[in-house]
């Protein structure tokens, strides 16, 4: 099964934390019908932290092995997954080569666990002008978000991330919990 993940991240700073918005649309064909799931958040983070946060949420929603196609302008999270760096850091109890604990170790751990469990392959489309970009921007502008802090998500048990809004998409696709 192919699952497409479309990301929107309004935070541009890769160093300083900023207030901004992140969102995702997950799209798949289930029993010959298109299904989507949307989530939107207000967050205080830098660009890479926001992408890590939203991809952890997306990968934890995958309930069975599938191929994943990700539309993003981010360039830090997926390369770390694919390079094996995260596996090495996991083997060192989430420490870097100098022995210092890596930032956001708990969230990286959750992302890696979900990735290893249910991602067969990843194709990255470095494109923020994907088919849902305009619609996602409108949802954010219309307040279809919930306030979520990065620290709040890290402290929840796996799969218990803070809730955000989920709506039917304009294309008439329905949200189906557990379809992925």
Protein backbone atom coordinates (compact mmCIF):
# COMPACT_ATOMS: atom_id res chain seq x y z
CA UNK A 1 0.00 0.00 0.00
CA UNK A 2 1.21 3.51 -0.80
CA UNK A 3 0.59 6.28 1.72
CA UNK A 4 1.27 9.84 0.67
CA UNK A 5 2.16 12.32 3.40
CA UNK A 6 1.86 16.00 2.54
CA UNK A 7 3.53 18.37 5.03
CA UNK A 8 3.16 22.10 5.57
CA UNK A 9 5.54 23.92 7.90
CA UNK A 10 5.36 27.70 8.30
CA UNK A 11 8.50 27.87 10.44
CA UNK A 12 11.60 28.86 8.47
CA UNK A 13 14.23 29.21 11.20
CA UNK A 14 16.49 26.18 11.54
CA UNK A 15 18.13 27.51 14.72
CA UNK A 16 15.81 29.73 16.74
CA UNK A 17 12.45 28.48 17.96
CA UNK A 18 9.50 30.39 16.57
CA UNK A 19 5.73 30.26 16.85
CA UNK A 20 4.27 28.75 13.72
CA UNK A 21 2.04 26.12 12.20
CA UNK A 22 2.55 22.60 10.97
CA UNK A 23 0.13 20.30 9.28
CA UNK A 24 -0.11 17.03 7.48
CA UNK A 25 -2.46 15.26 5.16
CA UNK A 26 -2.12 11.50 4.83
CA UNK A 27 -3.68 9.98 1.75
CA UNK A 28 -4.13 6.33 0.77
CA UNK A 29 -6.40 4.06 -1.21
CA UNK A 30 -8.21 1.68 1.13
CA UNK A 31 -10.54 -0.93 -0.35
CA UNK A 32 -10.49 0.96 -3.65
CA UNK A 33 -11.62 4.20 -1.98
CA UNK A 34 -9.49 7.28 -1.25
CA UNK A 35 -9.08 8.16 2.41
CA UNK A 36 -7.39 11.13 3.98
CA UNK A 37 -6.50 12.15 7.49
CA UNK A 38 -5.57 15.71 8.39
CA UNK A 39 -3.90 17.23 11.44
CA UNK A 40 -2.91 20.83 12.09
CA UNK A 41 -0.97 22.29 15.01
CA UNK A 42 0.26 25.58 16.39
CA UNK A 43 3.73 24.95 17.73
CA UNK A 44 6.77 26.71 19.18
CA UNK A 45 9.81 25.05 17.60
CA UNK A 46 12.43 25.49 14.93
CA UNK A 47 11.87 24.15 11.41
CA UNK A 48 13.59 20.79 11.97
CA UNK A 49 11.90 20.17 15.34
CA UNK A 50 8.51 20.88 13.78
CA UNK A 51 9.19 18.41 10.96
CA UNK A 52 10.39 15.77 13.43
CA UNK A 53 7.23 16.29 15.48
CA UNK A 54 4.82 15.98 12.56
CA UNK A 55 6.61 12.99 10.98
CA UNK A 56 6.58 11.14 14.31
CA UNK A 57 2.82 11.66 14.42
CA UNK A 58 2.43 10.51 10.81
CA UNK A 59 4.59 7.39 11.17
CA UNK A 60 2.84 6.39 14.40
CA UNK A 61 -0.47 6.42 12.48
CA UNK A 62 0.85 3.74 10.11
CA UNK A 63 -0.61 0.47 11.37
CA UNK A 64 0.90 -1.90 8.83
CA UNK A 65 3.94 -1.93 6.54
CA UNK A 66 3.57 0.38 3.55
CA UNK A 67 5.46 2.46 1.05
CA UNK A 68 5.53 6.14 1.95
CA UNK A 69 5.78 9.15 -0.32
CA UNK A 70 6.49 12.39 1.58
CA UNK A 71 6.01 15.89 0.20
CA UNK A 72 8.13 18.31 2.22
CA UNK A 73 10.69 21.07 1.98
CA UNK A 74 12.52 19.71 5.03
CA UNK A 75 15.97 18.24 4.57
CA UNK A 76 17.04 16.98 7.99
CA UNK A 77 14.72 14.28 9.37
CA UNK A 78 14.42 11.81 6.48
CA UNK A 79 18.15 11.83 5.64
CA UNK A 80 18.92 10.94 9.26
CA UNK A 81 16.46 8.05 9.08
CA UNK A 82 17.84 6.71 5.82
CA UNK A 83 21.53 7.16 6.64
CA UNK A 84 21.54 4.85 9.65
CA UNK A 85 22.67 7.64 11.99
CA UNK A 86 19.61 7.20 14.20
CA UNK A 87 20.20 3.46 14.55
CA UNK A 88 23.80 4.19 15.62
CA UNK A 89 22.61 6.76 18.16
CA UNK A 90 19.99 4.33 19.45
CA UNK A 91 22.71 1.72 19.91
CA UNK A 92 24.64 4.30 21.97
CA UNK A 93 21.59 5.02 24.19
CA UNK A 94 20.73 8.11 22.14
CA UNK A 95 24.12 9.73 22.51
CA UNK A 96 26.26 11.24 19.79
CA UNK A 97 29.83 10.16 19.09
CA UNK A 98 31.07 12.51 21.85
CA UNK A 99 28.82 10.77 24.39
CA UNK A 100 26.37 13.66 24.75
CA UNK A 101 22.65 12.87 24.70
CA UNK A 102 21.09 14.01 21.45
CA UNK A 103 18.42 16.67 21.49
CA UNK A 104 14.85 15.32 21.35
CA UNK A 105 16.03 11.74 21.93
CA UNK A 106 12.58 10.52 23.01
CA UNK A 107 10.92 11.83 19.86
CA UNK A 108 13.69 10.47 17.60
CA UNK A 109 13.25 7.11 19.33
CA UNK A 110 9.52 7.09 18.65
CA UNK A 111 10.04 8.11 15.03
CA UNK A 112 12.65 5.39 14.47
CA UNK A 113 10.48 2.73 16.11
CA UNK A 114 7.47 3.57 13.92
CA UNK A 115 9.69 3.82 10.83
CA UNK A 116 11.29 0.42 11.42
CA UNK A 117 7.93 -1.19 12.12
CA UNK A 118 5.82 0.06 9.23
CA UNK A 119 7.80 1.89 6.55
CA UNK A 120 8.92 -0.33 3.67
CA UNK A 121 10.31 2.47 1.52
CA UNK A 122 10.36 6.25 1.44
CA UNK A 123 10.29 8.53 -1.55
CA UNK A 124 10.78 12.21 -0.77
CA UNK A 125 9.31 14.85 -3.04
CA UNK A 126 11.00 18.13 -2.16
CA UNK A 127 7.98 20.14 -3.09
CA UNK A 128 5.93 22.40 -0.88
CA UNK A 129 3.58 23.24 -3.75
CA UNK A 130 1.86 19.88 -3.52
CA UNK A 131 -1.86 19.41 -4.28
CA UNK A 132 -2.94 20.08 -0.66
CA UNK A 133 -0.68 23.10 0.03
CA UNK A 134 -3.27 25.79 -0.69
CA UNK A 135 -6.04 23.93 1.14
CA UNK A 136 -3.80 23.30 4.18
CA UNK A 137 -2.85 26.99 4.30
CA UNK A 138 -6.54 27.91 4.23
CA UNK A 139 -7.29 25.48 7.07
CA UNK A 140 -4.57 27.08 9.19
CA UNK A 141 -5.79 30.60 8.36
CA UNK A 142 -9.33 29.56 9.31
CA UNK A 143 -8.14 28.42 12.74
CA UNK A 144 -8.39 24.67 12.17
CA UNK A 145 -5.49 24.16 14.57
CA UNK A 146 -5.00 23.37 18.19
CA UNK A 147 -2.33 24.79 20.46
CA UNK A 148 0.26 22.12 21.02
CA UNK A 149 3.67 22.56 22.54
CA UNK A 150 6.56 20.43 21.45
CA UNK A 151 7.30 19.48 25.06
CA UNK A 152 3.67 18.38 25.58
CA UNK A 153 3.89 15.84 22.78
CA UNK A 154 7.22 14.46 23.99
CA UNK A 155 5.78 13.74 27.43
CA UNK A 156 2.78 11.73 26.22
CA UNK A 157 2.83 7.97 25.87
CA UNK A 158 3.36 6.57 22.39
CA UNK A 159 0.31 7.13 20.26
CA UNK A 160 -1.18 9.57 22.75
CA UNK A 161 -0.04 12.81 21.12
CA UNK A 162 -2.20 15.83 21.70
CA UNK A 163 -5.26 15.90 19.51
CA UNK A 164 -5.69 18.33 16.66
CA UNK A 165 -8.48 18.99 14.25
CA UNK A 166 -9.43 16.43 11.64
CA UNK A 167 -11.89 17.37 8.94
CA UNK A 168 -13.13 15.94 5.68
CA UNK A 169 -11.12 17.28 2.76
CA UNK A 170 -12.67 19.36 -0.01
CA UNK A 171 -12.24 16.48 -2.42
CA UNK A 172 -14.81 14.51 -0.46
CA UNK A 173 -12.40 11.95 0.92
CA UNK A 174 -13.28 10.57 4.33
CA UNK A 175 -11.10 10.13 7.34
CA UNK A 176 -10.81 6.52 8.41
CA UNK A 177 -9.04 5.85 11.69
CA UNK A 178 -6.64 2.99 11.29
CA UNK A 179 -6.87 2.88 7.48
CA UNK A 180 -3.14 3.11 7.11
